[in-house]
Amino acid sequence: MRTASADVPVRHPIGERLPAIYAENEFTQRFTAALDEVIAPLFAVLDSFADYFDPALAAPDFLDWLSSWVALEADEGWGPRQRRDLIGAAVAMHRRRGTVDGLARQVELLTGGAVEVTDTGGCVANAEHGGPLPGADPGQVRVLVRVADPAAVDPAAVRASVAESVPVHLRVAVEVVGGAPAGNTNGSGT
């Protein structure tokens, strides 16, 4: 919770903006000086209002609030840098949600590793109404993450993030291995 601070500087004193008849009055100057102390924190917040909405600049306690604005489920295990990166990229990721590229980018931001996504999905069309359903295998999304230190990545957290981003009927497999994270290897050029 944000609270006012007694040490906020007064950048816009009310007494300096009054007409001359009031500016020369000692009582008016003391009265407006007291108001300045009360209003100064408000001006400080308004002057930096845009910073509250920038994930790179927002206070750490605002990051969860920002993640709710961009429909990003924040995981308690994510560090501040991961939260800031994911929140900043959330809108672009929503545009690519459900694609191999979008999923690879999401896991890349989450882990900092090189990501390879393979999808067994496909599409079957039937010209007749009421025809047989295609196949019995619900399909699988496999995510391979290469990072310098596999112990630093929680595969369960990555799996939960992937499972939230793919259709519910697909199985999800995540493997985190050691190796040089040399960029995105999903073959999409992103």
N, C-alpha and C. Protein backbone atom coordinates (compact mmCIF):
# COMPACT_ATOMS: atom_id res chain seq x y z
N MET A 1 0.84 -1.18 0.00
CA MET A 1 0.00 0.00 0.00
C MET A 1 0.88 1.24 0.00
N ARG A 2 0.53 2.20 -0.81
CA ARG A 2 1.27 3.44 -0.91
C ARG A 2 0.80 4.41 0.17
N THR A 3 1.72 5.08 0.82
CA THR A 3 1.37 6.09 1.81
C THR A 3 2.16 7.35 1.54
N ALA A 4 1.67 8.46 2.05
CA ALA A 4 2.34 9.75 1.86
C ALA A 4 3.61 9.79 2.69
N SER A 5 4.59 10.51 2.21
CA SER A 5 5.85 10.68 2.92
C SER A 5 5.98 12.13 3.35
N ALA A 6 6.49 12.33 4.54
CA ALA A 6 6.63 13.69 5.06
C ALA A 6 7.77 14.44 4.39
N ASP A 7 8.65 13.75 3.68
CA ASP A 7 9.83 14.38 3.10
C ASP A 7 9.70 14.70 1.62
N VAL A 8 8.48 14.77 1.11
CA VAL A 8 8.28 15.07 -0.31
C VAL A 8 8.50 16.56 -0.53
N PRO A 9 9.38 16.92 -1.47
CA PRO A 9 9.62 18.35 -1.71
C PRO A 9 8.41 19.03 -2.34
N VAL A 10 8.23 20.30 -2.02
CA VAL A 10 7.13 21.09 -2.59
C VAL A 10 7.64 21.72 -3.87
N ARG A 11 7.19 21.22 -5.01
CA ARG A 11 7.68 21.71 -6.30
C ARG A 11 6.81 22.84 -6.86
N HIS A 12 5.57 22.90 -6.42
CA HIS A 12 4.64 23.90 -6.95
C HIS A 12 3.95 24.61 -5.78
N PRO A 13 4.64 25.50 -5.07
CA PRO A 13 4.02 26.17 -3.92
C PRO A 13 2.81 27.01 -4.35
N ILE A 14 1.72 26.83 -3.65
CA ILE A 14 0.49 27.55 -3.96
C ILE A 14 0.67 29.05 -3.74
N GLY A 15 1.39 29.42 -2.66
CA GLY A 15 1.57 30.83 -2.33
C GLY A 15 2.22 31.64 -3.43
N GLU A 16 3.07 31.03 -4.24
CA GLU A 16 3.74 31.74 -5.34
C GLU A 16 2.81 32.00 -6.51
N ARG A 17 1.69 31.31 -6.56
CA ARG A 17 0.78 31.44 -7.69
C ARG A 17 -0.42 32.36 -7.39
N LEU A 18 -0.47 32.89 -6.19
CA LEU A 18 -1.59 33.75 -5.80
C LEU A 18 -1.40 35.16 -6.33
N PRO A 19 -2.51 35.89 -6.49
CA PRO A 19 -2.41 37.31 -6.88
C PRO A 19 -1.64 38.08 -5.81
N ALA A 20 -1.09 39.19 -6.19
CA ALA A 20 -0.22 39.99 -5.31
C ALA A 20 -0.87 40.36 -3.98
N ILE A 21 -2.16 40.62 -3.99
CA ILE A 21 -2.82 41.01 -2.74
C ILE A 21 -2.74 39.89 -1.69
N TYR A 22 -2.78 38.64 -2.14
CA TYR A 22 -2.68 37.52 -1.21
C TYR A 22 -1.23 37.10 -0.98
N ALA A 23 -0.39 37.30 -1.97
CA ALA A 23 1.01 36.91 -1.85
C ALA A 23 1.73 37.71 -0.77
N GLU A 24 1.26 38.90 -0.48
CA GLU A 24 1.87 39.74 0.55
C GLU A 24 1.30 39.48 1.93
N ASN A 25 0.25 38.69 2.03
CA ASN A 25 -0.41 38.42 3.31
C ASN A 25 0.28 37.26 4.01
N GLU A 26 0.78 37.49 5.22
CA GLU A 26 1.54 36.47 5.96
C GLU A 26 0.66 35.27 6.32
N PHE A 27 -0.57 35.54 6.77
CA PHE A 27 -1.46 34.44 7.14
C PHE A 27 -1.74 33.55 5.93
N THR A 28 -2.03 34.16 4.78
CA THR A 28 -2.31 33.39 3.56
C THR A 28 -1.11 32.54 3.16
N GLN A 29 0.08 33.07 3.27
CA GLN A 29 1.28 32.33 2.92
C GLN A 29 1.49 31.13 3.86
N ARG A 30 1.24 31.33 5.16
CA ARG A 30 1.38 30.21 6.11
C ARG A 30 0.31 29.15 5.84
N PHE A 31 -0.91 29.61 5.57
CA PHE A 31 -2.01 28.70 5.30
C PHE A 31 -1.73 27.86 4.04
N THR A 32 -1.29 28.51 2.97
CA THR A 32 -1.00 27.78 1.73
C THR A 32 0.23 26.90 1.88
N ALA A 33 1.18 27.30 2.73
CA ALA A 33 2.35 26.44 2.98
C ALA A 33 1.91 25.14 3.64
N ALA A 34 0.93 25.22 4.54
CA ALA A 34 0.41 23.99 5.18
C ALA A 34 -0.28 23.11 4.13
N LEU A 35 -1.02 23.74 3.24
CA LEU A 35 -1.66 22.96 2.17
C LEU A 35 -0.63 22.33 1.25
N ASP A 36 0.46 23.06 0.99
CA ASP A 36 1.53 22.53 0.15
C ASP A 36 2.05 21.21 0.69
N GLU A 37 2.22 21.11 2.00
CA GLU A 37 2.74 19.88 2.61
C GLU A 37 1.78 18.72 2.42
N VAL A 38 0.50 19.01 2.42
CA VAL A 38 -0.51 17.97 2.23
C VAL A 38 -0.62 17.57 0.76
N ILE A 39 -0.53 18.54 -0.13
CA ILE A 39 -0.74 18.30 -1.55
C ILE A 39 0.53 17.83 -2.27
N ALA A 40 1.71 18.12 -1.73
CA ALA A 40 2.97 17.76 -2.40
C ALA A 40 3.05 16.28 -2.76
N PRO A 41 2.66 15.34 -1.87
CA PRO A 41 2.71 13.92 -2.28
C PRO A 41 1.80 13.62 -3.46
N LEU A 42 0.65 14.29 -3.52
CA LEU A 42 -0.25 14.09 -4.65
C LEU A 42 0.41 14.52 -5.95
N PHE A 43 1.04 15.71 -5.94
CA PHE A 43 1.75 16.16 -7.14
C PHE A 43 2.89 15.21 -7.50
N ALA A 44 3.59 14.68 -6.50
CA ALA A 44 4.69 13.75 -6.77
C ALA A 44 4.17 12.49 -7.46
N VAL A 45 3.02 11.99 -7.02
CA VAL A 45 2.43 10.80 -7.66
C VAL A 45 1.99 11.14 -9.07
N LEU A 46 1.31 12.27 -9.25
CA LEU A 46 0.83 12.63 -10.58
C LEU A 46 1.98 12.90 -11.55
N ASP A 47 3.06 13.50 -11.05
CA ASP A 47 4.22 13.76 -11.91
C ASP A 47 4.86 12.48 -12.41
N SER A 48 4.77 11.41 -11.64
CA SER A 48 5.39 10.14 -12.04
C SER A 48 4.35 9.08 -12.37
N PHE A 49 3.13 9.52 -12.69
CA PHE A 49 2.03 8.60 -12.91
C PHE A 49 2.32 7.59 -14.02
N ALA A 50 2.92 8.03 -15.11
CA ALA A 50 3.22 7.12 -16.22
C ALA A 50 4.18 6.01 -15.80
N ASP A 51 5.05 6.29 -14.85
CA ASP A 51 6.01 5.29 -14.39
C ASP A 51 5.33 4.12 -13.71
N TYR A 52 4.16 4.32 -13.15
CA TYR A 52 3.44 3.23 -12.51
C TYR A 52 2.99 2.19 -13.53
N PHE A 53 2.81 2.60 -14.78
CA PHE A 53 2.32 1.70 -15.82
C PHE A 53 3.42 1.11 -16.69
N ASP A 54 4.64 1.51 -16.48
CA ASP A 54 5.78 0.98 -17.23
C ASP A 54 6.39 -0.15 -16.42
N PRO A 55 6.34 -1.40 -16.91
CA PRO A 55 6.85 -2.51 -16.11
C PRO A 55 8.34 -2.39 -15.78
N ALA A 56 9.09 -1.67 -16.59
CA ALA A 56 10.51 -1.50 -16.30
C ALA A 56 10.76 -0.53 -15.16
N LEU A 57 9.80 0.37 -14.89
CA LEU A 57 9.98 1.41 -13.87
C LEU A 57 9.07 1.25 -12.65
N ALA A 58 8.01 0.47 -12.78
CA ALA A 58 7.03 0.36 -11.70
C ALA A 58 7.66 -0.22 -10.44
N ALA A 59 7.14 0.19 -9.32
CA ALA A 59 7.58 -0.34 -8.03
C ALA A 59 7.26 -1.84 -7.98
N PRO A 60 8.09 -2.62 -7.30
CA PRO A 60 7.88 -4.08 -7.28
C PRO A 60 6.48 -4.49 -6.80
N ASP A 61 5.89 -3.75 -5.87
CA ASP A 61 4.57 -4.14 -5.39
C ASP A 61 3.46 -3.83 -6.40
N PHE A 62 3.75 -3.10 -7.46
CA PHE A 62 2.78 -2.83 -8.51
C PHE A 62 2.83 -3.86 -9.64
N LEU A 63 3.85 -4.69 -9.66
CA LEU A 63 3.99 -5.64 -10.77
C LEU A 63 2.84 -6.64 -10.85
N ASP A 64 2.38 -7.14 -9.71
CA ASP A 64 1.25 -8.07 -9.74
C ASP A 64 -0.01 -7.39 -10.27
N TRP A 65 -0.20 -6.13 -9.87
CA TRP A 65 -1.34 -5.37 -10.35
C TRP A 65 -1.25 -5.18 -11.86
N LEU A 66 -0.06 -4.82 -12.36
CA LEU A 66 0.12 -4.65 -13.80
C LEU A 66 -0.11 -5.97 -14.54
N SER A 67 0.35 -7.07 -13.96
CA SER A 67 0.16 -8.36 -14.64
C SER A 67 -1.33 -8.68 -14.77
N SER A 68 -2.14 -8.26 -13.81
CA SER A 68 -3.59 -8.50 -13.93
C SER A 68 -4.18 -7.65 -15.06
N TRP A 69 -3.61 -6.49 -15.34
CA TRP A 69 -4.10 -5.64 -16.42
C TRP A 69 -3.88 -6.27 -17.79
N VAL A 70 -2.82 -7.04 -17.94
CA VAL A 70 -2.50 -7.64 -19.23
C VAL A 70 -2.81 -9.13 -19.26
N ALA A 71 -3.65 -9.59 -18.30
CA ALA A 71 -4.11 -10.98 -18.23
C ALA A 71 -2.96 -11.97 -18.18
N LEU A 72 -1.99 -11.66 -17.33
CA LEU A 72 -0.85 -12.55 -17.16
C LEU A 72 -0.89 -13.11 -15.75
N GLU A 73 -0.97 -14.42 -15.65
CA GLU A 73 -0.97 -15.08 -14.34
C GLU A 73 0.45 -15.08 -13.82
N ALA A 74 0.71 -14.29 -12.79
CA ALA A 74 2.06 -14.21 -12.22
C ALA A 74 2.30 -15.40 -11.30
N ASP A 75 3.45 -16.00 -11.44
CA ASP A 75 3.86 -17.12 -10.60
C ASP A 75 4.73 -16.57 -9.48
N GLU A 76 4.51 -17.03 -8.26
CA GLU A 76 5.28 -16.52 -7.12
C GLU A 76 6.76 -16.82 -7.24
N GLY A 77 7.12 -17.82 -8.02
CA GLY A 77 8.52 -18.19 -8.18
C GLY A 77 9.28 -17.30 -9.16
N TRP A 78 8.58 -16.45 -9.90
CA TRP A 78 9.25 -15.57 -10.85
C TRP A 78 9.95 -14.45 -10.11
N GLY A 79 11.15 -14.15 -10.53
CA GLY A 79 11.89 -13.03 -9.97
C GLY A 79 11.39 -11.72 -10.55
N PRO A 80 11.81 -10.59 -9.95
CA PRO A 80 11.36 -9.28 -10.45
C PRO A 80 11.71 -9.04 -11.92
N ARG A 81 12.90 -9.46 -12.35
CA ARG A 81 13.29 -9.25 -13.75
C ARG A 81 12.38 -10.04 -14.69
N GLN A 82 12.08 -11.31 -14.32
CA GLN A 82 11.18 -12.12 -15.14
C GLN A 82 9.80 -11.48 -15.21
N ARG A 83 9.29 -11.02 -14.07
CA ARG A 83 7.98 -10.38 -14.04
C ARG A 83 7.95 -9.16 -14.96
N ARG A 84 8.98 -8.32 -14.85
CA ARG A 84 9.02 -7.11 -15.67
C ARG A 84 9.07 -7.46 -17.17
N ASP A 85 9.91 -8.44 -17.53
CA ASP A 85 10.03 -8.84 -18.94
C ASP A 85 8.73 -9.42 -19.47
N LEU A 86 8.10 -10.30 -18.69
CA LEU A 86 6.86 -10.94 -19.13
C LEU A 86 5.70 -9.95 -19.23
N ILE A 87 5.60 -9.04 -18.28
CA ILE A 87 4.54 -8.03 -18.33
C ILE A 87 4.75 -7.11 -19.53
N GLY A 88 6.00 -6.71 -19.77
CA GLY A 88 6.31 -5.84 -20.90
C GLY A 88 6.01 -6.48 -22.25
N ALA A 89 6.16 -7.79 -22.31
CA ALA A 89 5.95 -8.50 -23.58
C ALA A 89 4.56 -9.12 -23.69
N ALA A 90 3.72 -8.97 -22.67
CA ALA A 90 2.44 -9.67 -22.61
C ALA A 90 1.53 -9.35 -23.79
N VAL A 91 1.39 -8.10 -24.15
CA VAL A 91 0.47 -7.74 -25.24
C VAL A 91 0.93 -8.38 -26.55
N ALA A 92 2.21 -8.28 -26.84
CA ALA A 92 2.73 -8.90 -28.07
C ALA A 92 2.57 -10.42 -28.01
N MET A 93 2.77 -10.99 -26.84
CA MET A 93 2.61 -12.45 -26.72
C MET A 93 1.14 -12.86 -26.89
N HIS A 94 0.21 -12.03 -26.42
CA HIS A 94 -1.21 -12.35 -26.61
C HIS A 94 -1.57 -12.38 -28.09
N ARG A 95 -0.94 -11.51 -28.87
CA ARG A 95 -1.20 -11.51 -30.32
C ARG A 95 -0.75 -12.81 -30.97
N ARG A 96 0.31 -13.40 -30.43
CA ARG A 96 0.87 -14.63 -31.01
C ARG A 96 0.50 -15.87 -30.19
N ARG A 97 -0.41 -15.70 -29.24
CA ARG A 97 -0.81 -16.80 -28.37
C ARG A 97 -1.37 -17.95 -29.21
N GLY A 98 -0.99 -19.14 -28.84
CA GLY A 98 -1.47 -20.32 -29.54
C GLY A 98 -0.59 -20.72 -30.72
N THR A 99 0.44 -19.95 -31.00
CA THR A 99 1.36 -20.30 -32.07
C THR A 99 2.66 -20.82 -31.48
N VAL A 100 3.39 -21.54 -32.28
CA VAL A 100 4.69 -22.06 -31.83
C VAL A 100 5.62 -20.90 -31.48
N ASP A 101 5.62 -19.85 -32.32
CA ASP A 101 6.46 -18.68 -32.05
C ASP A 101 6.12 -18.01 -30.73
N GLY A 102 4.82 -17.84 -30.49
CA GLY A 102 4.39 -17.18 -29.26
C GLY A 102 4.75 -17.99 -28.02
N LEU A 103 4.57 -19.29 -28.10
CA LEU A 103 4.91 -20.15 -26.97
C LEU A 103 6.42 -20.17 -26.72
N ALA A 104 7.19 -20.22 -27.79
CA ALA A 104 8.65 -20.21 -27.65
C ALA A 104 9.12 -18.90 -27.02
N ARG A 105 8.55 -17.79 -27.44
CA ARG A 105 8.94 -16.49 -26.88
C ARG A 105 8.59 -16.40 -25.39
N GLN A 106 7.43 -16.90 -25.04
CA GLN A 106 7.00 -16.90 -23.64
C GLN A 106 7.97 -17.70 -22.76
N VAL A 107 8.32 -18.89 -23.20
CA VAL A 107 9.23 -19.74 -22.42
C VAL A 107 10.64 -19.14 -22.41
N GLU A 108 11.04 -18.53 -23.51
CA GLU A 108 12.33 -17.86 -23.58
C GLU A 108 12.42 -16.72 -22.55
N LEU A 109 11.38 -15.92 -22.45
CA LEU A 109 11.36 -14.84 -21.45
C LEU A 109 11.34 -15.38 -20.03
N LEU A 110 10.66 -16.49 -19.85
CA LEU A 110 10.54 -17.08 -18.52
C LEU A 110 11.85 -17.71 -18.04
N THR A 111 12.58 -18.33 -18.96
CA THR A 111 13.77 -19.09 -18.57
C THR A 111 15.08 -18.44 -18.96
N GLY A 112 15.08 -17.60 -19.98
CA GLY A 112 16.32 -17.02 -20.48
C GLY A 112 17.09 -17.99 -21.35
N GLY A 113 16.51 -19.10 -21.70
CA GLY A 113 17.20 -20.12 -22.48
C GLY A 113 16.79 -20.13 -23.94
N ALA A 114 17.44 -21.02 -24.68
CA ALA A 114 17.07 -21.27 -26.07
C ALA A 114 15.94 -22.29 -26.04
N VAL A 115 14.89 -22.05 -26.80
CA VAL A 115 13.67 -22.85 -26.71
C VAL A 115 13.34 -23.49 -28.05
N GLU A 116 12.99 -24.75 -28.00
CA GLU A 116 12.53 -25.47 -29.19
C GLU A 116 11.16 -26.05 -28.88
N VAL A 117 10.18 -25.70 -29.68
CA VAL A 117 8.81 -26.18 -29.47
C VAL A 117 8.42 -27.06 -30.65
N THR A 118 7.93 -28.26 -30.33
CA THR A 118 7.39 -29.14 -31.37
C THR A 118 5.95 -29.44 -31.01
N ASP A 119 5.12 -29.44 -32.03
CA ASP A 119 3.69 -29.61 -31.85
C ASP A 119 3.22 -30.72 -32.77
N THR A 120 2.51 -31.71 -32.23
CA THR A 120 2.02 -32.81 -33.05
C THR A 120 0.65 -32.49 -33.63
N GLY A 121 0.18 -31.27 -33.41
CA GLY A 121 -1.17 -30.90 -33.82
C GLY A 121 -1.39 -30.91 -35.31
N GLY A 122 -2.59 -30.75 -35.67
CA GLY A 122 -2.98 -30.73 -37.07
C GLY A 122 -4.44 -30.38 -37.15
N CYS A 123 -5.00 -30.50 -38.32
CA CYS A 123 -6.40 -30.17 -38.53
C CYS A 123 -6.99 -31.17 -39.50
N VAL A 124 -8.17 -31.65 -39.19
CA VAL A 124 -8.86 -32.59 -40.06
C VAL A 124 -10.24 -32.01 -40.35
N ALA A 125 -10.63 -32.03 -41.61
CA ALA A 125 -11.95 -31.54 -42.00
C ALA A 125 -12.78 -32.70 -42.53
N ASN A 126 -14.06 -32.66 -42.25
CA ASN A 126 -14.96 -33.69 -42.73
C ASN A 126 -16.10 -33.01 -43.46
N ALA A 127 -16.37 -33.41 -44.66
CA ALA A 127 -17.41 -32.79 -45.47
C ALA A 127 -18.81 -33.19 -45.02
N GLU A 128 -18.91 -34.28 -44.28
CA GLU A 128 -20.23 -34.76 -43.86
C GLU A 128 -20.46 -34.46 -42.38
N HIS A 129 -21.67 -34.01 -42.12
CA HIS A 129 -22.06 -33.75 -40.74
C HIS A 129 -22.23 -35.08 -40.00
N GLY A 130 -21.73 -35.14 -38.78
CA GLY A 130 -21.90 -36.34 -37.96
C GLY A 130 -20.92 -37.44 -38.30
N GLY A 131 -19.89 -37.12 -39.07
CA GLY A 131 -18.89 -38.13 -39.41
C GLY A 131 -18.05 -38.52 -38.21
N PRO A 132 -17.21 -39.49 -38.37
CA PRO A 132 -16.37 -39.95 -37.26
C PRO A 132 -15.37 -38.86 -36.84
N LEU A 133 -15.07 -38.83 -35.55
CA LEU A 133 -14.08 -37.89 -35.05
C LEU A 133 -12.69 -38.34 -35.47
N PRO A 134 -11.81 -37.41 -35.79
CA PRO A 134 -10.48 -37.79 -36.26
C PRO A 134 -9.58 -38.25 -35.11
N GLY A 135 -8.95 -39.38 -35.30
CA GLY A 135 -7.91 -39.86 -34.39
C GLY A 135 -8.29 -39.98 -32.93
N ALA A 136 -7.51 -40.74 -32.20
CA ALA A 136 -7.75 -40.91 -30.77
C ALA A 136 -6.69 -40.19 -29.94
N ASP A 137 -5.56 -39.85 -30.56
CA ASP A 137 -4.47 -39.19 -29.84
C ASP A 137 -4.77 -37.70 -29.72
N PRO A 138 -4.81 -37.18 -28.48
CA PRO A 138 -5.13 -35.75 -28.33
C PRO A 138 -4.01 -34.83 -28.76
N GLY A 139 -2.83 -35.33 -29.02
CA GLY A 139 -1.72 -34.50 -29.43
C GLY A 139 -0.86 -34.06 -28.25
N GLN A 140 0.30 -33.53 -28.59
CA GLN A 140 1.26 -33.15 -27.56
C GLN A 140 2.07 -31.94 -28.02
N VAL A 141 2.39 -31.09 -27.05
CA VAL A 141 3.31 -29.99 -27.27
C VAL A 141 4.55 -30.32 -26.44
N ARG A 142 5.68 -30.36 -27.12
CA ARG A 142 6.94 -30.67 -26.42
C ARG A 142 7.81 -29.42 -26.45
N VAL A 143 8.33 -29.05 -25.27
CA VAL A 143 9.16 -27.86 -25.16
C VAL A 143 10.52 -28.29 -24.62
N LEU A 144 11.55 -27.99 -25.39
CA LEU A 144 12.93 -28.25 -24.97
C LEU A 144 13.60 -26.91 -24.69
N VAL A 145 14.13 -26.79 -23.47
CA VAL A 145 14.76 -25.54 -23.06
C VAL A 145 16.24 -25.83 -22.78
N ARG A 146 17.11 -25.08 -23.45
CA ARG A 146 18.56 -25.20 -23.20
C ARG A 146 19.02 -23.97 -22.43
N VAL A 147 19.53 -24.22 -21.23
CA VAL A 147 20.05 -23.15 -20.38
C VAL A 147 21.41 -23.55 -19.84
N ALA A 148 22.19 -22.56 -19.44
CA ALA A 148 23.53 -22.83 -18.91
C ALA A 148 23.45 -23.63 -17.61
N ASP A 149 22.46 -23.33 -16.76
CA ASP A 149 22.32 -24.03 -15.48
C ASP A 149 20.90 -24.58 -15.36
N PRO A 150 20.67 -25.84 -15.72
CA PRO A 150 19.32 -26.41 -15.66
C PRO A 150 18.72 -26.41 -14.26
N ALA A 151 19.55 -26.44 -13.23
CA ALA A 151 19.04 -26.44 -11.85
C ALA A 151 18.38 -25.11 -11.50
N ALA A 152 18.68 -24.05 -12.23
CA ALA A 152 18.12 -22.73 -11.95
C ALA A 152 16.71 -22.56 -12.52
N VAL A 153 16.25 -23.52 -13.33
CA VAL A 153 14.93 -23.44 -13.95
C VAL A 153 14.03 -24.50 -13.34
N ASP A 154 12.83 -24.09 -12.93
CA ASP A 154 11.85 -25.00 -12.36
C ASP A 154 10.99 -25.57 -13.50
N PRO A 155 11.21 -26.83 -13.87
CA PRO A 155 10.43 -27.40 -14.98
C PRO A 155 8.92 -27.41 -14.71
N ALA A 156 8.52 -27.57 -13.46
CA ALA A 156 7.09 -27.58 -13.13
C ALA A 156 6.46 -26.21 -13.41
N ALA A 157 7.18 -25.14 -13.10
CA ALA A 157 6.67 -23.78 -13.36
C ALA A 157 6.58 -23.54 -14.87
N VAL A 158 7.58 -24.00 -15.61
CA VAL A 158 7.56 -23.84 -17.07
C VAL A 158 6.40 -24.65 -17.65
N ARG A 159 6.22 -25.88 -17.16
CA ARG A 159 5.12 -26.73 -17.65
C ARG A 159 3.79 -26.06 -17.37
N ALA A 160 3.60 -25.50 -16.17
CA ALA A 160 2.34 -24.83 -15.83
C ALA A 160 2.08 -23.64 -16.75
N SER A 161 3.12 -22.88 -17.05
CA SER A 161 2.99 -21.74 -17.95
C SER A 161 2.62 -22.19 -19.36
N VAL A 162 3.25 -23.27 -19.83
CA VAL A 162 2.95 -23.79 -21.16
C VAL A 162 1.53 -24.35 -21.20
N ALA A 163 1.15 -25.11 -20.18
CA ALA A 163 -0.18 -25.71 -20.14
C ALA A 163 -1.28 -24.65 -20.16
N GLU A 164 -1.01 -23.51 -19.58
CA GLU A 164 -1.98 -22.41 -19.56
C GLU A 164 -2.11 -21.77 -20.94
N SER A 165 -1.11 -21.94 -21.78
CA SER A 165 -1.09 -21.25 -23.08
C SER A 165 -1.49 -22.12 -24.26
N VAL A 166 -1.66 -23.40 -24.05
CA VAL A 166 -2.03 -24.29 -25.16
C VAL A 166 -3.46 -24.79 -24.94
N PRO A 167 -4.10 -25.30 -25.98
CA PRO A 167 -5.44 -25.86 -25.80
C PRO A 167 -5.45 -26.93 -24.71
N VAL A 168 -6.52 -26.96 -23.96
CA VAL A 168 -6.60 -27.79 -22.77
C VAL A 168 -6.48 -29.29 -23.06
N HIS A 169 -6.84 -29.74 -24.24
CA HIS A 169 -6.81 -31.17 -24.54
C HIS A 169 -5.41 -31.68 -24.90
N LEU A 170 -4.44 -30.81 -25.09
CA LEU A 170 -3.10 -31.24 -25.47
C LEU A 170 -2.28 -31.63 -24.24
N ARG A 171 -1.49 -32.67 -24.41
CA ARG A 171 -0.52 -33.04 -23.38
C ARG A 171 0.67 -32.11 -23.51
N VAL A 172 1.33 -31.82 -22.39
CA VAL A 172 2.48 -30.93 -22.38
C VAL A 172 3.67 -31.67 -21.79
N ALA A 173 4.80 -31.62 -22.51
CA ALA A 173 6.05 -32.19 -22.01
C ALA A 173 7.11 -31.10 -22.06
N VAL A 174 7.80 -30.92 -20.94
CA VAL A 174 8.85 -29.91 -20.85
C VAL A 174 10.13 -30.60 -20.41
N GLU A 175 11.21 -30.29 -21.12
CA GLU A 175 12.51 -30.82 -20.76
C GLU A 175 13.50 -29.66 -20.69
N VAL A 176 14.21 -29.56 -19.57
CA VAL A 176 15.21 -28.52 -19.39
C VAL A 176 16.56 -29.20 -19.37
N VAL A 177 17.44 -28.79 -20.30
CA VAL A 177 18.76 -29.42 -20.41
C VAL A 177 19.85 -28.36 -20.39
N GLY A 178 21.05 -28.81 -20.09
CA GLY A 178 22.19 -27.91 -20.11
C GLY A 178 22.66 -27.67 -21.53
N GLY A 179 23.21 -26.52 -21.73
CA GLY A 179 23.71 -26.16 -23.05
C GLY A 179 23.75 -24.66 -23.17
N ALA A 180 24.45 -24.20 -24.16
CA ALA A 180 24.57 -22.76 -24.37
C ALA A 180 23.27 -22.24 -24.96
N PRO A 181 22.58 -21.31 -24.26
CA PRO A 181 21.37 -20.72 -24.83
C PRO A 181 21.73 -19.78 -25.96
N ALA A 182 21.78 -20.29 -27.17
CA ALA A 182 22.26 -19.52 -28.32
C ALA A 182 21.12 -18.87 -29.08
N GLY A 183 20.04 -18.56 -28.43
CA GLY A 183 18.94 -17.90 -29.11
C GLY A 183 17.81 -18.86 -29.38
N ASN A 184 16.78 -18.35 -30.00
CA ASN A 184 15.58 -19.13 -30.29
C ASN A 184 15.89 -20.16 -31.35
N THR A 185 15.55 -21.40 -31.08
CA THR A 185 15.81 -22.46 -32.04
C THR A 185 14.53 -23.13 -32.50
N ASN A 186 13.42 -22.42 -32.45
CA ASN A 186 12.17 -23.05 -32.84
C ASN A 186 11.96 -23.04 -34.35
N GLY A 187 12.92 -22.53 -35.07
CA GLY A 187 12.84 -22.55 -36.51
C GLY A 187 11.95 -21.49 -37.12
N SER A 188 11.51 -20.54 -36.29
CA SER A 188 10.57 -19.53 -36.81
C SER A 188 11.25 -18.21 -37.13
N GLY A 189 12.51 -18.06 -36.74
CA GLY A 189 13.23 -16.83 -37.04
C GLY A 189 12.95 -15.71 -36.07
N THR A 190 12.28 -15.97 -34.94
CA THR A 190 12.02 -14.90 -33.97
C THR A 190 13.04 -14.89 -32.90
